[in-house]
Amino acid sequence: MKFLVGTKKGMTQVFDADGRVHPVTIVVAPKVTVTQVKTPETDGYTAVQIGYGLQKESRIAKPQRTKGLFRGLKEFRL
């Protein structure tokens, strides 16, 4: 499983050993928490659900509060 959850903060450039310029993206990756592991026996497929960022409780719908006070929830199939 290889993925990165983050927000783009900007662009910059770096130089290699030959002096050539390469554009690079700056990504800030917050701490993530695994909120659910889905298995073929219970859900019919294999996936991981993660929560990232913190949010005020008043801004989260009541059904989603059981997962935690996360700004976002993402599911990644494995």
PDB file of N, CA and C in Angstrom:
ATOM      1  N   MET A   1       0.857  -1.161   0.000  1.00  0.00           N
ATOM      2  CA  MET A   1       0.000   0.000   0.000  1.00  0.00           C
ATOM      3  C   MET A   1       0.903   1.223   0.000  1.00  0.00           C
ATOM      4  N   LYS A   2       0.813   2.023  -1.060  1.00  0.00           N
ATOM      5  CA  LYS A   2       1.634   3.223  -1.172  1.00  0.00           C
ATOM      6  C   LYS A   2       0.742   4.389  -1.569  1.00  0.00           C
ATOM      7  N   PHE A   3       0.565   5.309  -0.656  1.00  0.00           N
ATOM      8  CA  PHE A   3      -0.189   6.512  -0.961  1.00  0.00           C
ATOM      9  C   PHE A   3       0.195   7.591   0.029  1.00  0.00           C
ATOM     10  N   LEU A   4      -0.135   8.815  -0.317  1.00  0.00           N
ATOM     11  CA  LEU A   4       0.179   9.960   0.526  1.00  0.00           C
ATOM     12  C   LEU A   4      -1.050  10.854   0.566  1.00  0.00           C
ATOM     13  N   VAL A   5      -1.490  11.202   1.759  1.00  0.00           N
ATOM     14  CA  VAL A   5      -2.601  12.127   1.933  1.00  0.00           C
ATOM     15  C   VAL A   5      -2.007  13.426   2.439  1.00  0.00           C
ATOM     16  N   GLY A   6      -2.246  14.508   1.719  1.00  0.00           N
ATOM     17  CA  GLY A   6      -1.684  15.785   2.129  1.00  0.00           C
ATOM     18  C   GLY A   6      -2.265  16.928   1.327  1.00  0.00           C
ATOM     19  N   THR A   7      -1.801  18.126   1.634  1.00  0.00           N
ATOM     20  CA  THR A   7      -2.231  19.313   0.910  1.00  0.00           C
ATOM     21  C   THR A   7      -1.026  19.970   0.259  1.00  0.00           C
ATOM     22  N   LYS A   8      -1.245  20.478  -0.929  1.00  0.00           N
ATOM     23  CA  LYS A   8      -0.174  21.140  -1.662  1.00  0.00           C
ATOM     24  C   LYS A   8       0.048  22.525  -1.072  1.00  0.00           C
ATOM     25  N   LYS A   9       1.289  22.824  -0.710  1.00  0.00           N
ATOM     26  CA  LYS A   9       1.625  24.126  -0.137  1.00  0.00           C
ATOM     27  C   LYS A   9       2.316  25.036  -1.134  1.00  0.00           C
ATOM     28  N   GLY A  10       2.884  24.483  -2.182  1.00  0.00           N
ATOM     29  CA  GLY A  10       3.531  25.338  -3.167  1.00  0.00           C
ATOM     30  C   GLY A  10       4.487  24.570  -4.045  1.00  0.00           C
ATOM     31  N   MET A  11       5.205  25.333  -4.863  1.00  0.00           N
ATOM     32  CA  MET A  11       6.188  24.774  -5.776  1.00  0.00           C
ATOM     33  C   MET A  11       7.530  25.439  -5.507  1.00  0.00           C
ATOM     34  N   THR A  12       8.602  24.720  -5.815  1.00  0.00           N
ATOM     35  CA  THR A  12       9.948  25.267  -5.732  1.00  0.00           C
ATOM     36  C   THR A  12      10.789  24.543  -6.771  1.00  0.00           C
ATOM     37  N   GLN A  13      12.078  24.752  -6.736  1.00  0.00           N
ATOM     38  CA  GLN A  13      12.959  24.078  -7.679  1.00  0.00           C
ATOM     39  C   GLN A  13      14.207  23.595  -6.961  1.00  0.00           C
ATOM     40  N   VAL A  14      14.765  22.512  -7.484  1.00  0.00           N
ATOM     41  CA  VAL A  14      16.015  21.972  -6.957  1.00  0.00           C
ATOM     42  C   VAL A  14      16.953  21.732  -8.133  1.00  0.00           C
ATOM     43  N   PHE A  15      18.231  21.750  -7.841  1.00  0.00           N
ATOM     44  CA  PHE A  15      19.247  21.528  -8.857  1.00  0.00           C
ATOM     45  C   PHE A  15      19.878  20.159  -8.639  1.00  0.00           C
ATOM     46  N   ASP A  16      20.116  19.422  -9.728  1.00  0.00           N
ATOM     47  CA  ASP A  16      20.794  18.135  -9.603  1.00  0.00           C
ATOM     48  C   ASP A  16      22.306  18.333  -9.724  1.00  0.00           C
ATOM     49  N   ALA A  17      23.053  17.242  -9.735  1.00  0.00           N
ATOM     50  CA  ALA A  17      24.513  17.314  -9.758  1.00  0.00           C
ATOM     51  C   ALA A  17      25.049  17.949 -11.038  1.00  0.00           C
ATOM     52  N   ASP A  18      24.292  17.850 -12.133  1.00  0.00           N
ATOM     53  CA  ASP A  18      24.723  18.432 -13.408  1.00  0.00           C
ATOM     54  C   ASP A  18      24.308  19.886 -13.553  1.00  0.00           C
ATOM     55  N   GLY A  19      23.619  20.428 -12.577  1.00  0.00           N
ATOM     56  CA  GLY A  19      23.194  21.819 -12.628  1.00  0.00           C
ATOM     57  C   GLY A  19      21.854  22.041 -13.307  1.00  0.00           C
ATOM     58  N   ARG A  20      21.141  20.972 -13.631  1.00  0.00           N
ATOM     59  CA  ARG A  20      19.820  21.108 -14.248  1.00  0.00           C
ATOM     60  C   ARG A  20      18.772  21.393 -13.171  1.00  0.00           C
ATOM     61  N   VAL A  21      17.782  22.158 -13.546  1.00  0.00           N
ATOM     62  CA  VAL A  21      16.717  22.541 -12.617  1.00  0.00           C
ATOM     63  C   VAL A  21      15.552  21.565 -12.755  1.00  0.00           C
ATOM     64  N   HIS A  22      14.996  21.145 -11.609  1.00  0.00           N
ATOM     65  CA  HIS A  22      13.830  20.260 -11.591  1.00  0.00           C
ATOM     66  C   HIS A  22      12.751  20.893 -10.716  1.00  0.00           C
ATOM     67  N   PRO A  23      11.519  21.021 -11.235  1.00  0.00           N
ATOM     68  CA  PRO A  23      10.435  21.549 -10.403  1.00  0.00           C
ATOM     69  C   PRO A  23       9.978  20.492  -9.401  1.00  0.00           C
ATOM     70  N   VAL A  24       9.697  20.913  -8.181  1.00  0.00           N
ATOM     71  CA  VAL A  24       9.204  20.006  -7.146  1.00  0.00           C
ATOM     72  C   VAL A  24       8.004  20.643  -6.446  1.00  0.00           C
ATOM     73  N   THR A  25       7.124  19.796  -5.952  1.00  0.00           N
ATOM     74  CA  THR A  25       5.938  20.232  -5.232  1.00  0.00           C
ATOM     75  C   THR A  25       6.149  20.007  -3.743  1.00  0.00           C
ATOM     76  N   ILE A  26       5.772  20.995  -2.936  1.00  0.00           N
ATOM     77  CA  ILE A  26       5.853  20.869  -1.481  1.00  0.00           C
ATOM     78  C   ILE A  26       4.490  20.397  -0.981  1.00  0.00           C
ATOM     79  N   VAL A  27       4.482  19.253  -0.303  1.00  0.00           N
ATOM     80  CA  VAL A  27       3.251  18.665   0.214  1.00  0.00           C
ATOM     81  C   VAL A  27       3.379  18.526   1.725  1.00  0.00           C
ATOM     82  N   VAL A  28       2.366  18.990   2.453  1.00  0.00           N
ATOM     83  CA  VAL A  28       2.324  18.833   3.907  1.00  0.00           C
ATOM     84  C   VAL A  28       1.393  17.664   4.211  1.00  0.00           C
ATOM     85  N   ALA A  29       1.936  16.650   4.864  1.00  0.00           N
ATOM     86  CA  ALA A  29       1.164  15.450   5.177  1.00  0.00           C
ATOM     87  C   ALA A  29       0.808  15.449   6.665  1.00  0.00           C
ATOM     88  N   PRO A  30      -0.490  15.554   7.006  1.00  0.00           N
ATOM     89  CA  PRO A  30      -0.883  15.533   8.420  1.00  0.00           C
ATOM     90  C   PRO A  30      -0.829  14.114   8.983  1.00  0.00           C
ATOM     91  N   LYS A  31      -0.917  14.023  10.300  1.00  0.00           N
ATOM     92  CA  LYS A  31      -1.005  12.710  10.933  1.00  0.00           C
ATOM     93  C   LYS A  31      -2.343  12.084  10.556  1.00  0.00           C
ATOM     94  N   VAL A  32      -2.325  10.791  10.277  1.00  0.00           N
ATOM     95  CA  VAL A  32      -3.548  10.083   9.922  1.00  0.00           C
ATOM     96  C   VAL A  32      -3.793   8.967  10.933  1.00  0.00           C
ATOM     97  N   THR A  33      -5.051   8.587  11.060  1.00  0.00           N
ATOM     98  CA  THR A  33      -5.454   7.514  11.959  1.00  0.00           C
ATOM     99  C   THR A  33      -6.314   6.534  11.178  1.00  0.00           C
ATOM    100  N   VAL A  34      -6.034   5.262  11.302  1.00  0.00           N
ATOM    101  CA  VAL A  34      -6.867   4.246  10.664  1.00  0.00           C
ATOM    102  C   VAL A  34      -8.160   4.146  11.463  1.00  0.00           C
ATOM    103  N   THR A  35      -9.292   4.413  10.807  1.00  0.00           N
ATOM    104  CA  THR A  35     -10.580   4.387  11.491  1.00  0.00           C
ATOM    105  C   THR A  35     -11.344   3.091  11.254  1.00  0.00           C
ATOM    106  N   GLN A  36     -11.035   2.403  10.141  1.00  0.00           N
ATOM    107  CA  GLN A  36     -11.741   1.160   9.851  1.00  0.00           C
ATOM    108  C   GLN A  36     -10.926   0.331   8.870  1.00  0.00           C
ATOM    109  N   VAL A  37     -10.898  -0.971   9.084  1.00  0.00           N
ATOM    110  CA  VAL A  37     -10.284  -1.909   8.146  1.00  0.00           C
ATOM    111  C   VAL A  37     -11.412  -2.748   7.575  1.00  0.00           C
ATOM    112  N   LYS A  38     -11.593  -2.692   6.261  1.00  0.00           N
ATOM    113  CA  LYS A  38     -12.673  -3.436   5.612  1.00  0.00           C
ATOM    114  C   LYS A  38     -12.114  -4.734   5.045  1.00  0.00           C
ATOM    115  N   THR A  39     -12.833  -5.818   5.267  1.00  0.00           N
ATOM    116  CA  THR A  39     -12.391  -7.139   4.832  1.00  0.00           C
ATOM    117  C   THR A  39     -13.423  -7.750   3.896  1.00  0.00           C
ATOM    118  N   PRO A  40     -13.008  -8.711   3.076  1.00  0.00           N
ATOM    119  CA  PRO A  40     -13.969  -9.353   2.164  1.00  0.00           C
ATOM    120  C   PRO A  40     -15.095 -10.079   2.897  1.00  0.00           C
ATOM    121  N   GLU A  41     -14.826 -10.565   4.096  1.00  0.00           N
ATOM    122  CA  GLU A  41     -15.855 -11.300   4.834  1.00  0.00           C
ATOM    123  C   GLU A  41     -17.004 -10.388   5.272  1.00  0.00           C
ATOM    124  N   THR A  42     -16.682  -9.154   5.686  1.00  0.00           N
ATOM    125  CA  THR A  42     -17.721  -8.269   6.208  1.00  0.00           C
ATOM    126  C   THR A  42     -18.232  -7.267   5.178  1.00  0.00           C
ATOM    127  N   ASP A  43     -17.346  -6.789   4.295  1.00  0.00           N
ATOM    128  CA  ASP A  43     -17.727  -5.723   3.371  1.00  0.00           C
ATOM    129  C   ASP A  43     -17.683  -6.126   1.903  1.00  0.00           C
ATOM    130  N   GLY A  44     -17.115  -7.277   1.598  1.00  0.00           N
ATOM    131  CA  GLY A  44     -17.049  -7.725   0.219  1.00  0.00           C
ATOM    132  C   GLY A  44     -15.807  -7.264  -0.528  1.00  0.00           C
ATOM    133  N   TYR A  45     -14.968  -6.477   0.095  1.00  0.00           N
ATOM    134  CA  TYR A  45     -13.722  -6.025  -0.526  1.00  0.00           C
ATOM    135  C   TYR A  45     -12.742  -5.636   0.570  1.00  0.00           C
ATOM    136  N   THR A  46     -11.482  -5.443   0.187  1.00  0.00           N
ATOM    137  CA  THR A  46     -10.438  -5.098   1.143  1.00  0.00           C
ATOM    138  C   THR A  46     -10.100  -3.625   0.999  1.00  0.00           C
ATOM    139  N   ALA A  47     -10.153  -2.888   2.106  1.00  0.00           N
ATOM    140  CA  ALA A  47      -9.845  -1.460   2.075  1.00  0.00           C
ATOM    141  C   ALA A  47      -9.476  -0.987   3.473  1.00  0.00           C
ATOM    142  N   VAL A  48      -8.898   0.206   3.517  1.00  0.00           N
ATOM    143  CA  VAL A  48      -8.559   0.861   4.772  1.00  0.00           C
ATOM    144  C   VAL A  48      -9.171   2.252   4.735  1.00  0.00           C
ATOM    145  N   GLN A  49      -9.849   2.637   5.802  1.00  0.00           N
ATOM    146  CA  GLN A  49     -10.404   3.988   5.905  1.00  0.00           C
ATOM    147  C   GLN A  49      -9.559   4.759   6.908  1.00  0.00           C
ATOM    148  N   ILE A  50      -9.125   5.959   6.507  1.00  0.00           N
ATOM    149  CA  ILE A  50      -8.297   6.771   7.395  1.00  0.00           C
ATOM    150  C   ILE A  50      -8.977   8.103   7.654  1.00  0.00           C
ATOM    151  N   GLY A  51      -8.677   8.672   8.810  1.00  0.00           N
ATOM    152  CA  GLY A  51      -9.143  10.006   9.166  1.00  0.00           C
ATOM    153  C   GLY A  51      -7.947  10.922   9.303  1.00  0.00           C
ATOM    154  N   TYR A  52      -8.088  12.157   8.827  1.00  0.00           N
ATOM    155  CA  TYR A  52      -6.968  13.096   8.881  1.00  0.00           C
ATOM    156  C   TYR A  52      -7.468  14.480   9.261  1.00  0.00           C
ATOM    157  N   GLY A  53      -6.597  15.270   9.869  1.00  0.00           N
ATOM    158  CA  GLY A  53      -6.943  16.625  10.284  1.00  0.00           C
ATOM    159  C   GLY A  53      -7.928  16.614  11.439  1.00  0.00           C
ATOM    160  N   LEU A  54      -7.987  17.700  12.172  1.00  0.00           N
ATOM    161  CA  LEU A  54      -8.938  17.820  13.277  1.00  0.00           C
ATOM    162  C   LEU A  54      -9.984  18.871  12.940  1.00  0.00           C
ATOM    163  N   GLN A  55     -11.190  18.658  13.424  1.00  0.00           N
ATOM    164  CA  GLN A  55     -12.308  19.548  13.147  1.00  0.00           C
ATOM    165  C   GLN A  55     -13.117  19.727  14.429  1.00  0.00           C
ATOM    166  N   LYS A  56     -13.757  20.883  14.557  1.00  0.00           N
ATOM    167  CA  LYS A  56     -14.628  21.106  15.709  1.00  0.00           C
ATOM    168  C   LYS A  56     -15.819  20.153  15.639  1.00  0.00           C
ATOM    169  N   GLU A  57     -16.262  19.702  16.809  1.00  0.00           N
ATOM    170  CA  GLU A  57     -17.368  18.745  16.856  1.00  0.00           C
ATOM    171  C   GLU A  57     -18.638  19.318  16.238  1.00  0.00           C
ATOM    172  N   SER A  58     -18.871  20.612  16.390  1.00  0.00           N
ATOM    173  CA  SER A  58     -20.095  21.218  15.870  1.00  0.00           C
ATOM    174  C   SER A  58     -20.140  21.237  14.344  1.00  0.00           C
ATOM    175  N   ARG A  59     -19.020  21.043  13.685  1.00  0.00           N
ATOM    176  CA  ARG A  59     -18.981  21.079  12.218  1.00  0.00           C
ATOM    177  C   ARG A  59     -19.036  19.695  11.582  1.00  0.00           C
ATOM    178  N   ILE A  60     -19.198  18.667  12.395  1.00  0.00           N
ATOM    179  CA  ILE A  60     -19.241  17.300  11.885  1.00  0.00           C
ATOM    180  C   ILE A  60     -20.648  16.752  12.077  1.00  0.00           C
ATOM    181  N   ALA A  61     -21.176  16.092  11.049  1.00  0.00           N
ATOM    182  CA  ALA A  61     -22.505  15.493  11.134  1.00  0.00           C
ATOM    183  C   ALA A  61     -22.510  14.401  12.207  1.00  0.00           C
ATOM    184  N   LYS A  62     -23.631  14.249  12.890  1.00  0.00           N
ATOM    185  CA  LYS A  62     -23.715  13.295  13.994  1.00  0.00           C
ATOM    186  C   LYS A  62     -23.348  11.861  13.592  1.00  0.00           C
ATOM    187  N   PRO A  63     -23.770  11.360  12.424  1.00  0.00           N
ATOM    188  CA  PRO A  63     -23.380   9.988  12.075  1.00  0.00           C
ATOM    189  C   PRO A  63     -21.872   9.811  11.901  1.00  0.00           C
ATOM    190  N   GLN A  64     -21.161  10.859  11.503  1.00  0.00           N
ATOM    191  CA  GLN A  64     -19.718  10.754  11.286  1.00  0.00           C
ATOM    192  C   GLN A  64     -18.915  10.910  12.572  1.00  0.00           C
ATOM    193  N   ARG A  65     -19.515  11.391  13.635  1.00  0.00           N
ATOM    194  CA  ARG A  65     -18.796  11.594  14.899  1.00  0.00           C
ATOM    195  C   ARG A  65     -18.355  10.282  15.528  1.00  0.00           C
ATOM    196  N   THR A  66     -18.977   9.178  15.152  1.00  0.00           N
ATOM    197  CA  THR A  66     -18.566   7.888  15.706  1.00  0.00           C
ATOM    198  C   THR A  66     -17.175   7.492  15.232  1.00  0.00           C
ATOM    199  N   LYS A  67     -16.732   8.017  14.082  1.00  0.00           N
ATOM    200  CA  LYS A  67     -15.399   7.721  13.544  1.00  0.00           C
ATOM    201  C   LYS A  67     -14.326   8.574  14.200  1.00  0.00           C
ATOM    202  N   GLY A  68     -14.699   9.717  14.764  1.00  0.00           N
ATOM    203  CA  GLY A  68     -13.740  10.628  15.372  1.00  0.00           C
ATOM    204  C   GLY A  68     -13.951  12.035  14.843  1.00  0.00           C
ATOM    205  N   LEU A  69     -13.232  12.982  15.411  1.00  0.00           N
ATOM    206  CA  LEU A  69     -13.375  14.386  15.017  1.00  0.00           C
ATOM    207  C   LEU A  69     -12.351  14.728  13.937  1.00  0.00           C
ATOM    208  N   PHE A  70     -12.512  14.125  12.777  1.00  0.00           N
ATOM    209  CA  PHE A  70     -11.574  14.313  11.679  1.00  0.00           C
ATOM    210  C   PHE A  70     -12.142  15.266  10.642  1.00  0.00           C
ATOM    211  N   ARG A  71     -11.259  16.034  10.026  1.00  0.00           N
ATOM    212  CA  ARG A  71     -11.654  16.945   8.953  1.00  0.00           C
ATOM    213  C   ARG A  71     -12.087  16.165   7.718  1.00  0.00           C
ATOM    214  N   GLY A  72     -11.435  15.044   7.482  1.00  0.00           N
ATOM    215  CA  GLY A  72     -11.784  14.242   6.314  1.00  0.00           C
ATOM    216  C   GLY A  72     -11.583  12.764   6.561  1.00  0.00           C
ATOM    217  N   LEU A  73     -12.362  11.964   5.860  1.00  0.00           N
ATOM    218  CA  LEU A  73     -12.234  10.514   5.883  1.00  0.00           C
ATOM    219  C   LEU A  73     -12.019  10.056   4.445  1.00  0.00           C
ATOM    220  N   LYS A  74     -11.036   9.216   4.233  1.00  0.00           N
ATOM    221  CA  LYS A  74     -10.756   8.678   2.903  1.00  0.00           C
ATOM    222  C   LYS A  74     -10.648   7.169   3.003  1.00  0.00           C
ATOM    223  N   GLU A  75     -11.074   6.510   1.937  1.00  0.00           N
ATOM    224  CA  GLU A  75     -10.985   5.064   1.884  1.00  0.00           C
ATOM    225  C   GLU A  75     -10.070   4.673   0.729  1.00  0.00           C
ATOM    226  N   PHE A  76      -9.161   3.770   1.003  1.00  0.00           N
ATOM    227  CA  PHE A  76      -8.227   3.296  -0.008  1.00  0.00           C
ATOM    228  C   PHE A  76      -8.371   1.791  -0.136  1.00  0.00           C
ATOM    229  N   ARG A  77      -8.667   1.330  -1.351  1.00  0.00           N
ATOM    230  CA  ARG A  77      -8.766  -0.106  -1.598  1.00  0.00           C
ATOM    231  C   ARG A  77      -7.382  -0.710  -1.684  1.00  0.00           C
ATOM    232  N   LEU A  78      -7.276  -1.912  -1.183  1.00  0.00           N
ATOM    233  CA  LEU A  78      -5.982  -2.602  -1.200  1.00  0.00           C
ATOM    234  C   LEU A  78      -6.000  -3.737  -2.196  1.00  0.00           C
TER     235      LEU A  78
END
